[in-house]
C-alpha atoms as a PDB file:
ATOM      1  CA  UNK A   1     -13.948   1.539   1.954  1.00  0.00           C
ATOM      2  CA  UNK A   2     -10.950   2.047  -0.219  1.00  0.00           C
ATOM      3  CA  UNK A   3      -9.720   5.163   1.744  1.00  0.00           C
ATOM      4  CA  UNK A   4      -9.826   3.505   5.039  1.00  0.00           C
ATOM      5  CA  UNK A   5      -8.090   0.356   3.701  1.00  0.00           C
ATOM      6  CA  UNK A   6      -5.382   2.223   2.051  1.00  0.00           C
ATOM      7  CA  UNK A   7      -4.699   4.543   5.061  1.00  0.00           C
ATOM      8  CA  UNK A   8      -4.727   1.442   7.428  1.00  0.00           C
ATOM      9  CA  UNK A   9      -2.076  -0.321   5.161  1.00  0.00           C
ATOM     10  CA  UNK A  10      -0.058   2.873   5.197  1.00  0.00           C
ATOM     11  CA  UNK A  11      -0.030   3.323   9.126  1.00  0.00           C
ATOM     12  CA  UNK A  12       0.502  -0.373   9.567  1.00  0.00           C
ATOM     13  CA  UNK A  13       3.619  -0.513   7.173  1.00  0.00           C
ATOM     14  CA  UNK A  14       4.915   2.709   8.780  1.00  0.00           C
ATOM     15  CA  UNK A  15       4.668   1.102  12.217  1.00  0.00           C
ATOM     16  CA  UNK A  16       6.442  -2.157  11.045  1.00  0.00           C
ATOM     17  CA  UNK A  17       9.406  -0.104   9.334  1.00  0.00           C
ATOM     18  CA  UNK A  18       9.997   1.617  12.816  1.00  0.00           C
ATOM     19  CA  UNK A  19       9.582  -1.484  14.793  1.00  0.00           C
ATOM     20  CA  UNK A  20      12.158  -3.204  12.627  1.00  0.00           C
ATOM     21  CA  UNK A  21      14.495  -0.244  12.845  1.00  0.00           C
ATOM     22  CA  UNK A  22      14.148  -0.312  16.669  1.00  0.00           C
ATOM     23  CA  UNK A  23      15.601  -3.775  16.941  1.00  0.00           C
ATOM     24  CA  UNK A  24      19.329  -4.434  16.807  1.00  0.00           C
ATOM     25  CA  UNK A  25      20.576  -2.852  13.634  1.00  0.00           C
ATOM     26  CA  UNK A  26      22.103  -5.744  11.734  1.00  0.00           C
ATOM     27  CA  UNK A  27      22.891  -4.597   8.346  1.00  0.00           C
ATOM     28  CA  UNK A  28      20.248  -6.514   6.400  1.00  0.00           C
ATOM     29  CA  UNK A  29      17.525  -5.678   8.856  1.00  0.00           C
ATOM     30  CA  UNK A  30      18.744  -1.993   8.595  1.00  0.00           C
ATOM     31  CA  UNK A  31      18.501  -2.411   4.855  1.00  0.00           C
ATOM     32  CA  UNK A  32      14.925  -3.683   5.211  1.00  0.00           C
ATOM     33  CA  UNK A  33      13.664  -1.191   7.525  1.00  0.00           C
ATOM     34  CA  UNK A  34      15.101   1.794   5.404  1.00  0.00           C
ATOM     35  CA  UNK A  35      13.790   0.499   2.044  1.00  0.00           C
ATOM     36  CA  UNK A  36      10.312  -0.159   3.708  1.00  0.00           C
ATOM     37  CA  UNK A  37      10.264   3.245   5.246  1.00  0.00           C
ATOM     38  CA  UNK A  38      10.921   4.825   1.893  1.00  0.00           C
ATOM     39  CA  UNK A  39       8.208   2.771   0.247  1.00  0.00           C
ATOM     40  CA  UNK A  40       5.696   3.962   2.783  1.00  0.00           C
ATOM     41  CA  UNK A  41       6.827   7.544   2.479  1.00  0.00           C
ATOM     42  CA  UNK A  42       6.567   7.509  -1.338  1.00  0.00           C
ATOM     43  CA  UNK A  43       3.489   5.261  -1.923  1.00  0.00           C
ATOM     44  CA  UNK A  44       1.485   5.900   1.377  1.00  0.00           C
ATOM     45  CA  UNK A  45      -1.954   7.164   1.325  1.00  0.00           C
ATOM     46  CA  UNK A  46      -1.051  10.051   3.845  1.00  0.00           C
ATOM     47  CA  UNK A  47      -3.416  12.528   2.088  1.00  0.00           C
ATOM     48  CA  UNK A  48      -6.526  10.656   3.275  1.00  0.00           C
ATOM     49  CA  UNK A  49      -5.720  11.982   6.872  1.00  0.00           C
ATOM     50  CA  UNK A  50      -3.025  14.737   6.223  1.00  0.00           C
ATOM     51  CA  UNK A  51       0.106  15.020   4.029  1.00  0.00           C
ATOM     52  CA  UNK A  52       1.881  16.616   7.234  1.00  0.00           C
ATOM     53  CA  UNK A  53       1.605  13.128   8.840  1.00  0.00           C
ATOM     54  CA  UNK A  54       4.096  11.813   6.118  1.00  0.00           C
ATOM     55  CA  UNK A  55       6.693  14.463   7.091  1.00  0.00           C
ATOM     56  CA  UNK A  56       6.133  13.543  10.674  1.00  0.00           C
ATOM     57  CA  UNK A  57       6.554   9.911   9.989  1.00  0.00           C
ATOM     58  CA  UNK A  58      10.092  10.475   8.022  1.00  0.00           C
ATOM     59  CA  UNK A  59      11.322  12.805  10.903  1.00  0.00           C
ATOM     60  CA  UNK A  60      10.309  10.105  13.622  1.00  0.00           C
ATOM     61  CA  UNK A  61      11.895   7.241  11.540  1.00  0.00           C
ATOM     62  CA  UNK A  62      15.171   9.176  11.005  1.00  0.00           C
ATOM     63  CA  UNK A  63      15.435   9.984  14.764  1.00  0.00           C
ATOM     64  CA  UNK A  64      14.954   6.339  15.592  1.00  0.00           C
ATOM     65  CA  UNK A  65      17.595   5.279  12.869  1.00  0.00           C
ATOM     66  CA  UNK A  66      20.084   7.955  14.385  1.00  0.00           C
ATOM     67  CA  UNK A  67      19.388   6.664  17.981  1.00  0.00           C
ATOM     68  CA  UNK A  68      19.871   2.976  17.051  1.00  0.00           C
ATOM     69  CA  UNK A  69      23.110   3.788  15.312  1.00  0.00           C
ATOM     70  CA  UNK A  70      24.422   5.679  18.110  1.00  0.00           C
ATOM     71  CA  UNK A  71      23.558   3.163  20.653  1.00  0.00           C
ATOM     72  CA  UNK A  72      24.568   0.177  18.735  1.00  0.00           C
ATOM     73  CA  UNK A  73      26.900  -2.053  20.572  1.00  0.00           C
ATOM     74  CA  UNK A  74      29.183  -4.737  19.459  1.00  0.00           C
ATOM     75  CA  UNK A  75      27.154  -7.674  18.272  1.00  0.00           C
ATOM     76  CA  UNK A  76      26.569 -10.022  21.280  1.00  0.00           C
ATOM     77  CA  UNK A  77      23.470 -11.524  19.709  1.00  0.00           C
ATOM     78  CA  UNK A  78      22.238 -14.736  18.243  1.00  0.00           C
ATOM     79  CA  UNK A  79      23.573 -15.523  14.873  1.00  0.00           C
ATOM     80  CA  UNK A  80      21.118 -14.770  12.063  1.00  0.00           C
ATOM     81  CA  UNK A  81      19.728 -17.682  10.411  1.00  0.00           C
ATOM     82  CA  UNK A  82      20.368 -17.952   6.563  1.00  0.00           C
ATOM     83  CA  UNK A  83      16.706 -18.106   6.055  1.00  0.00           C
ATOM     84  CA  UNK A  84      15.978 -14.771   7.650  1.00  0.00           C
ATOM     85  CA  UNK A  85      18.919 -13.276   5.845  1.00  0.00           C
ATOM     86  CA  UNK A  86      17.584 -14.486   2.479  1.00  0.00           C
ATOM     87  CA  UNK A  87      14.037 -13.276   3.312  1.00  0.00           C
ATOM     88  CA  UNK A  88      15.229  -9.674   4.467  1.00  0.00           C
ATOM     89  CA  UNK A  89      17.330  -9.324   1.377  1.00  0.00           C
ATOM     90  CA  UNK A  90      14.492 -10.604  -1.119  1.00  0.00           C
ATOM     91  CA  UNK A  91      12.076  -8.034   0.620  1.00  0.00           C
ATOM     92  CA  UNK A  92      14.633  -5.355   0.392  1.00  0.00           C
ATOM     93  CA  UNK A  93      15.352  -5.844  -3.246  1.00  0.00           C
ATOM     94  CA  UNK A  94      11.589  -5.723  -4.208  1.00  0.00           C
ATOM     95  CA  UNK A  95      10.884  -2.623  -2.166  1.00  0.00           C
ATOM     96  CA  UNK A  96      14.089  -0.804  -3.563  1.00  0.00           C
ATOM     97  CA  UNK A  97      12.937  -1.755  -7.092  1.00  0.00           C
ATOM     98  CA  UNK A  98       9.523  -0.306  -6.382  1.00  0.00           C
ATOM     99  CA  UNK A  99      10.963   2.788  -4.877  1.00  0.00           C
ATOM    100  CA  UNK A 100      13.202   3.344  -8.034  1.00  0.00           C
ATOM    101  CA  UNK A 101      10.286   2.829 -10.284  1.00  0.00           C
ATOM    102  CA  UNK A 102       8.237   5.428  -8.557  1.00  0.00           C
ATOM    103  CA  UNK A 103      10.606   7.993 -10.077  1.00  0.00           C
ATOM    104  CA  UNK A 104      11.500   6.287 -13.470  1.00  0.00           C
ATOM    105  CA  UNK A 105       8.321   4.509 -14.185  1.00  0.00           C
ATOM    106  CA  UNK A 106       7.991   1.699 -16.717  1.00  0.00           C
ATOM    107  CA  UNK A 107       7.101   3.494 -19.833  1.00  0.00           C
ATOM    108  CA  UNK A 108      10.660   4.411 -20.886  1.00  0.00           C
ATOM    109  CA  UNK A 109      11.170   7.636 -22.809  1.00  0.00           C
ATOM    110  CA  UNK A 110       7.790   9.220 -23.585  1.00  0.00           C
ATOM    111  CA  UNK A 111       6.703   9.990 -27.078  1.00  0.00           C
ATOM    112  CA  UNK A 112       6.480  13.645 -26.281  1.00  0.00           C
ATOM    113  CA  UNK A 113       5.828  16.279 -23.580  1.00  0.00           C
ATOM    114  CA  UNK A 114       2.504  18.321 -23.180  1.00  0.00           C
ATOM    115  CA  UNK A 115       3.451  21.602 -21.867  1.00  0.00           C
ATOM    116  CA  UNK A 116       0.467  23.092 -20.147  1.00  0.00           C
ATOM    117  CA  UNK A 117      -0.524  25.652 -17.574  1.00  0.00           C
ATOM    118  CA  UNK A 118      -2.016  24.323 -14.290  1.00  0.00           C
ATOM    119  CA  UNK A 119      -5.635  24.628 -14.775  1.00  0.00           C
ATOM    120  CA  UNK A 120      -6.567  26.291 -11.461  1.00  0.00           C
ATOM    121  CA  UNK A 121      -6.618  29.903 -10.018  1.00  0.00           C
ATOM    122  CA  UNK A 122      -4.965  29.652  -6.517  1.00  0.00           C
ATOM    123  CA  UNK A 123      -4.598  26.812  -3.706  1.00  0.00           C
ATOM    124  CA  UNK A 124      -2.639  23.830  -3.042  1.00  0.00           C
ATOM    125  CA  UNK A 125      -3.253  20.729  -5.244  1.00  0.00           C
ATOM    126  CA  UNK A 126      -1.948  17.203  -5.054  1.00  0.00           C
ATOM    127  CA  UNK A 127      -1.495  14.501  -7.581  1.00  0.00           C
ATOM    128  CA  UNK A 128      -4.033  11.997  -6.375  1.00  0.00           C
ATOM    129  CA  UNK A 129      -2.916   9.547  -9.034  1.00  0.00           C
ATOM    130  CA  UNK A 130      -0.202   9.888 -11.689  1.00  0.00           C
ATOM    131  CA  UNK A 131       3.293   8.815 -12.559  1.00  0.00           C
ATOM    132  CA  UNK A 132       5.387   7.441 -15.481  1.00  0.00           C
ATOM    133  CA  UNK A 133       3.650   4.130 -15.610  1.00  0.00           C
ATOM    134  CA  UNK A 134       3.756   1.283 -13.130  1.00  0.00           C
ATOM    135  CA  UNK A 135       3.614   1.088 -10.256  1.00  0.00           C
ATOM    136  CA  UNK A 136       2.857   4.615  -9.214  1.00  0.00           C
ATOM    137  CA  UNK A 137       0.052   5.129 -11.852  1.00  0.00           C
ATOM    138  CA  UNK A 138      -1.361   1.687 -11.762  1.00  0.00           C
ATOM    139  CA  UNK A 139      -5.002   2.891 -11.916  1.00  0.00           C
ATOM    140  CA  UNK A 140      -4.451   4.654 -15.073  1.00  0.00           C
ATOM    141  CA  UNK A 141      -2.025   2.271 -16.734  1.00  0.00           C
ATOM    142  CA  UNK A 142      -4.731   0.136 -18.466  1.00  0.00           C
ATOM    143  CA  UNK A 143      -7.234   2.863 -18.988  1.00  0.00           C
ATOM    144  CA  UNK A 144      -7.321   3.849 -22.862  1.00  0.00           C
ATOM    145  CA  UNK A 145      -3.659   4.482 -23.245  1.00  0.00           C
ATOM    146  CA  UNK A 146      -3.741   6.809 -20.400  1.00  0.00           C
ATOM    147  CA  UNK A 147      -0.301   5.808 -19.043  1.00  0.00           C
ATOM    148  CA  UNK A 148       0.597   9.556 -18.093  1.00  0.00           C
ATOM    149  CA  UNK A 149      -2.787  10.598 -17.035  1.00  0.00           C
ATOM    150  CA  UNK A 150      -3.118  12.591 -13.724  1.00  0.00           C
ATOM    151  CA  UNK A 151      -5.897  12.999 -11.115  1.00  0.00           C
ATOM    152  CA  UNK A 152      -5.668  16.291  -9.348  1.00  0.00           C
ATOM    153  CA  UNK A 153      -7.188  17.047  -5.894  1.00  0.00           C
ATOM    154  CA  UNK A 154      -7.100  20.175  -3.815  1.00  0.00           C
ATOM    155  CA  UNK A 155      -5.811  20.289  -0.215  1.00  0.00           C
ATOM    156  CA  UNK A 156      -7.279  22.173   2.670  1.00  0.00           C
ATOM    157  CA  UNK A 157      -5.237  23.977   5.313  1.00  0.00           C
ATOM    158  CA  UNK A 158      -5.037  20.578   7.271  1.00  0.00           C
ATOM    159  CA  UNK A 159      -3.209  18.819   4.376  1.00  0.00           C
ATOM    160  CA  UNK A 160      -6.326  16.783   3.509  1.00  0.00           C
ATOM    161  CA  UNK A 161      -8.286  16.602   0.303  1.00  0.00           C
ATOM    162  CA  UNK A 162     -11.530  16.624   2.320  1.00  0.00           C
ATOM    163  CA  UNK A 163     -12.943  17.435   5.731  1.00  0.00           C
ATOM    164  CA  UNK A 164     -13.046  13.821   6.678  1.00  0.00           C
ATOM    165  CA  UNK A 165     -10.953  10.701   5.832  1.00  0.00           C
ATOM    166  CA  UNK A 166     -14.073   9.746   3.672  1.00  0.00           C
ATOM    167  CA  UNK A 167     -17.420  11.588   3.264  1.00  0.00           C
ATOM    168  CA  UNK A 168     -20.421  11.183   1.124  1.00  0.00           C
ATOM    169  CA  UNK A 169     -21.076  14.988   0.959  1.00  0.00           C
ATOM    170  CA  UNK A 170     -19.620  16.427  -2.350  1.00  0.00           C
ATOM    171  CA  UNK A 171     -19.103  19.804  -0.579  1.00  0.00           C
ATOM    172  CA  UNK A 172     -16.788  18.372   1.807  1.00  0.00           C
ATOM    173  CA  UNK A 173     -14.208  17.853  -0.854  1.00  0.00           C
ATOM    174  CA  UNK A 174     -11.899  20.839  -1.293  1.00  0.00           C
ATOM    175  CA  UNK A 175     -11.814  20.594  -5.095  1.00  0.00           C
ATOM    176  CA  UNK A 176     -15.623  20.300  -5.671  1.00  0.00           C
ATOM    177  CA  UNK A 177     -16.896  23.331  -7.595  1.00  0.00           C
ATOM    178  CA  UNK A 178     -13.407  24.676  -8.148  1.00  0.00           C
ATOM    179  CA  UNK A 179     -13.170  26.566 -11.314  1.00  0.00           C
ATOM    180  CA  UNK A 180     -11.203  24.717 -14.111  1.00  0.00           C
ATOM    181  CA  UNK A 181      -9.379  26.824 -16.269  1.00  0.00           C
ATOM    182  CA  UNK A 182      -8.017  26.144 -19.995  1.00  0.00           C
ATOM    183  CA  UNK A 183      -4.516  24.858 -19.571  1.00  0.00           C
ATOM    184  CA  UNK A 184      -3.717  25.833 -23.294  1.00  0.00           C
ATOM    185  CA  UNK A 185      -5.183  27.731 -26.287  1.00  0.00           C
ATOM    186  CA  UNK A 186      -7.276  25.400 -28.683  1.00  0.00           C
ATOM    187  CA  UNK A 187     -10.751  24.588 -29.923  1.00  0.00           C
ATOM    188  CA  UNK A 188     -13.236  22.597 -28.118  1.00  0.00           C
ATOM    189  CA  UNK A 189     -13.693  19.274 -29.976  1.00  0.00           C
ATOM    190  CA  UNK A 190     -16.212  18.052 -27.650  1.00  0.00           C
ATOM    191  CA  UNK A 191     -17.852  18.825 -24.248  1.00  0.00           C
ATOM    192  CA  UNK A 192     -20.722  17.572 -22.325  1.00  0.00           C
ATOM    193  CA  UNK A 193     -22.331  18.281 -18.770  1.00  0.00           C
ATOM    194  CA  UNK A 194     -25.336  16.160 -18.860  1.00  0.00           C
ATOM    195  CA  UNK A 195     -24.325  13.562 -16.258  1.00  0.00           C
ATOM    196  CA  UNK A 196     -25.257  13.806 -12.660  1.00  0.00           C
ATOM    197  CA  UNK A 197     -22.470  13.782 -10.136  1.00  0.00           C
ATOM    198  CA  UNK A 198     -21.952  10.517  -8.244  1.00  0.00           C
ATOM    199  CA  UNK A 199     -22.418  10.443  -4.487  1.00  0.00           C
ATOM    200  CA  UNK A 200     -19.224   8.866  -3.086  1.00  0.00           C
ATOM    201  CA  UNK A 201     -18.343   6.057  -3.227  1.00  0.00           C
ATOM    202  CA  UNK A 202     -20.644   5.152  -5.901  1.00  0.00           C
ATOM    203  CA  UNK A 203     -19.217   5.167  -9.633  1.00  0.00           C
ATOM    204  CA  UNK A 204     -21.947   3.066 -11.303  1.00  0.00           C
ATOM    205  CA  UNK A 205     -22.224   5.331 -14.177  1.00  0.00           C
ATOM    206  CA  UNK A 206     -18.983   4.192 -15.615  1.00  0.00           C
ATOM    207  CA  UNK A 207     -16.116   5.779 -17.672  1.00  0.00           C
ATOM    208  CA  UNK A 208     -18.277   6.970 -20.734  1.00  0.00           C
ATOM    209  CA  UNK A 209     -20.653   9.052 -18.726  1.00  0.00           C
ATOM    210  CA  UNK A 210     -18.321  11.785 -17.394  1.00  0.00           C
ATOM    211  CA  UNK A 211     -18.744  15.577 -17.897  1.00  0.00           C
ATOM    212  CA  UNK A 212     -15.651  16.682 -19.750  1.00  0.00           C
ATOM    213  CA  UNK A 213     -13.997  18.981 -22.103  1.00  0.00           C
ATOM    214  CA  UNK A 214     -11.792  17.772 -24.936  1.00  0.00           C
ATOM    215  CA  UNK A 215      -9.419  20.618 -26.352  1.00  0.00           C
ATOM    216  CA  UNK A 216      -7.753  20.208 -29.758  1.00  0.00           C
ATOM    217  CA  UNK A 217      -4.692  22.168 -30.614  1.00  0.00           C
ATOM    218  CA  UNK A 218      -2.380  21.784 -33.696  1.00  0.00           C
ATOM    219  CA  UNK A 219      -0.309  19.139 -31.939  1.00  0.00           C
ATOM    220  CA  UNK A 220      -2.388  17.567 -29.058  1.00  0.00           C
ATOM    221  CA  UNK A 221      -5.678  16.768 -27.493  1.00  0.00           C
ATOM    222  CA  UNK A 222      -6.256  17.719 -23.959  1.00  0.00           C
ATOM    223  CA  UNK A 223      -9.010  15.785 -22.084  1.00  0.00           C
ATOM    224  CA  UNK A 224     -10.349  17.163 -18.745  1.00  0.00           C
ATOM    225  CA  UNK A 225     -13.031  15.076 -17.047  1.00  0.00           C
ATOM    226  CA  UNK A 226     -15.297  14.422 -14.098  1.00  0.00           C
ATOM    227  CA  UNK A 227     -16.607  17.779 -14.218  1.00  0.00           C
ATOM    228  CA  UNK A 228     -19.690  18.970 -12.418  1.00  0.00           C
ATOM    229  CA  UNK A 229     -23.289  18.373 -13.653  1.00  0.00           C
ATOM    230  CA  UNK A 230     -24.496  21.299 -15.731  1.00  0.00           C
ATOM    231  CA  UNK A 231     -21.425  23.397 -15.012  1.00  0.00           C
ATOM    232  CA  UNK A 232     -19.387  23.093 -18.226  1.00  0.00           C
ATOM    233  CA  UNK A 233     -19.031  26.587 -19.708  1.00  0.00           C
ATOM    234  CA  UNK A 234     -17.862  25.856 -23.351  1.00  0.00           C
ATOM    235  CA  UNK A 235     -19.318  23.834 -26.269  1.00  0.00           C
ATOM    236  CA  UNK A 236     -18.021  22.240 -29.130  1.00  0.00           C
ATOM    237  CA  UNK A 237     -16.451  24.534 -31.638  1.00  0.00           C
ATOM    238  CA  UNK A 238     -15.634  27.305 -29.151  1.00  0.00           C
ATOM    239  CA  UNK A 239     -12.048  28.902 -29.333  1.00  0.00           C
ATOM    240  CA  UNK A 240     -10.502  28.988 -25.870  1.00  0.00           C
ATOM    241  CA  UNK A 241      -7.422  30.563 -24.720  1.00  0.00           C
ATOM    242  CA  UNK A 242      -5.134  29.682 -21.797  1.00  0.00           C
ATOM    243  CA  UNK A 243      -6.587  30.582 -18.262  1.00  0.00           C
ATOM    244  CA  UNK A 244     -10.296  30.650 -19.640  1.00  0.00           C
ATOM    245  CA  UNK A 245     -12.738  29.149 -17.339  1.00  0.00           C
ATOM    246  CA  UNK A 246     -14.075  25.874 -18.657  1.00  0.00           C
ATOM    247  CA  UNK A 247     -16.248  24.677 -15.977  1.00  0.00           C
ATOM    248  CA  UNK A 248     -16.351  23.511 -12.424  1.00  0.00           C
ATOM    249  CA  UNK A 249     -14.742  20.383 -10.884  1.00  0.00           C
ATOM    250  CA  UNK A 250     -17.300  17.621 -10.100  1.00  0.00           C
ATOM    251  CA  UNK A 251     -17.682  13.864  -9.612  1.00  0.00           C
ATOM    252  CA  UNK A 252     -19.320  12.520 -12.667  1.00  0.00           C
ATOM    253  CA  UNK A 253     -18.412   9.478 -14.501  1.00  0.00           C
ATOM    254  CA  UNK A 254     -16.021   6.646 -13.239  1.00  0.00           C
ATOM    255  CA  UNK A 255     -15.078   8.655 -10.108  1.00  0.00           C
ATOM    256  CA  UNK A 256     -15.013   7.603  -6.430  1.00  0.00           C
ATOM    257  CA  UNK A 257     -14.837  11.238  -5.197  1.00  0.00           C
ATOM    258  CA  UNK A 258     -14.412  14.791  -6.724  1.00  0.00           C
ATOM    259  CA  UNK A 259     -11.192  15.392  -8.630  1.00  0.00           C
ATOM    260  CA  UNK A 260      -9.994  16.617 -12.043  1.00  0.00           C
ATOM    261  CA  UNK A 261      -8.698  13.959 -14.524  1.00  0.00           C
ATOM    262  CA  UNK A 262      -6.404  15.217 -17.178  1.00  0.00           C
ATOM    263  CA  UNK A 263      -4.756  13.265 -19.948  1.00  0.00           C
ATOM    264  CA  UNK A 264      -3.130  14.418 -23.249  1.00  0.00           C
ATOM    265  CA  UNK A 265      -2.443  12.478 -26.563  1.00  0.00           C
ATOM    266  CA  UNK A 266      -0.578  13.552 -29.556  1.00  0.00           C
ATOM    267  CA  UNK A 267      -2.588  14.968 -32.614  1.00  0.00           C
ATOM    268  CA  UNK A 268      -1.070  13.236 -35.530  1.00  0.00           C
ATOM    269  CA  UNK A 269      -4.084  13.320 -37.958  1.00  0.00           C
ATOM    270  CA  UNK A 270      -3.976   9.708 -38.507  1.00  0.00           C
ATOM    271  CA  UNK A 271      -7.731   9.248 -38.138  1.00  0.00           C
ATOM    272  CA  UNK A 272      -7.481   7.417 -35.050  1.00  0.00           C
ATOM    273  CA  UNK A 273      -9.819   8.285 -32.041  1.00  0.00           C
ATOM    274  CA  UNK A 274      -7.924  10.942 -29.876  1.00  0.00           C
ATOM    275  CA  UNK A 275      -7.476   8.437 -26.883  1.00  0.00           C
ATOM    276  CA  UNK A 276      -5.786   5.836 -29.232  1.00  0.00           C
ATOM    277  CA  UNK A 277      -3.125   8.463 -30.272  1.00  0.00           C
ATOM    278  CA  UNK A 278       0.162   8.527 -28.553  1.00  0.00           C
ATOM    279  CA  UNK A 279       0.022   9.574 -24.868  1.00  0.00           C
ATOM    280  CA  UNK A 280       2.095  12.481 -23.902  1.00  0.00           C
ATOM    281  CA  UNK A 281       3.936  13.229 -20.621  1.00  0.00           C
ATOM    282  CA  UNK A 282       2.281  16.162 -18.860  1.00  0.00           C
ATOM    283  CA  UNK A 283       4.223  19.318 -17.520  1.00  0.00           C
ATOM    284  CA  UNK A 284       2.526  22.119 -15.743  1.00  0.00           C
ATOM    285  CA  UNK A 285       4.399  25.524 -16.354  1.00  0.00           C
ATOM    286  CA  UNK A 286       7.502  23.646 -17.454  1.00  0.00           C
ATOM    287  CA  UNK A 287       7.517  21.297 -14.513  1.00  0.00           C
ATOM    288  CA  UNK A 288       6.743  17.556 -14.280  1.00  0.00           C
ATOM    289  CA  UNK A 289       4.970  16.012 -11.256  1.00  0.00           C
ATOM    290  CA  UNK A 290       4.896  12.556  -9.815  1.00  0.00           C
ATOM    291  CA  UNK A 291       2.394  10.733  -7.516  1.00  0.00           C
ATOM    292  CA  UNK A 292       1.469  12.798  -4.342  1.00  0.00           C
ATOM    293  CA  UNK A 293       3.574  15.813  -5.382  1.00  0.00           C
ATOM    294  CA  UNK A 294       1.978  19.091  -4.091  1.00  0.00           C
ATOM    295  CA  UNK A 295       1.531  21.902  -6.540  1.00  0.00           C
ATOM    296  CA  UNK A 296       0.948  25.275  -5.108  1.00  0.00           C
ATOM    297  CA  UNK A 297      -0.647  28.228  -6.838  1.00  0.00           C
ATOM    298  CA  UNK A 298      -0.201  31.638  -5.275  1.00  0.00           C
END
């Protein structure tokens, strides 16, 4: 199971970073421990158990770091071999590079920005997948030009997106049946809700069989997908306004578990299919978000 595997890797790497930090704080070992801890904090799959555990890990690591610095003695230890030194430096450079790319991405300056409203009424949501390209948005990077696409899940009071680490029951996922609102004014260019919801972790129906809404504005196309079977409220040709209910969140199409997929492309009237137009970076209410960012709606 993917959730269990990702969570296991996260916890193992978090433990390793603290263990490395606990050893005598030679500068290159210290650099490796800090860069690994930062990587686990940024990329770790904490939401599969609770995002609060992420903050506890950060606090625990900082306490260990402070303790080791305070209790450090004059080096009376074995000389580090050049091989260990070089290995620690190589690993540190790789991790530091990945940490920097988490914020900058690999796509450079975006073609444009899609300024939308968050398509939900209330609650706390998390960017399940997203970012400015590799490595943070790896699952969307090669998907029909969706380099800035975002997957949004909803968090429960325990900081988890479901009542279990993994469950096959759709109603256990906090976002399932949540009302999706129009993030902008526009005209419905296409919609469908004829595809049954997948039972996690099955996604055999593939990416072309998702219940979705495609909104066309004067300047962009907004695609919202994985909606619930027979729960899309609008049809092709309808005019919608910001905040209008479009349907309910589901788990149709190429989806392992319930979430909302959203991607935006420029509308340049070149005759290209909407998904081949230039991808736009998404902002919700004038703020951009990265992987695992939490978005609160009063």
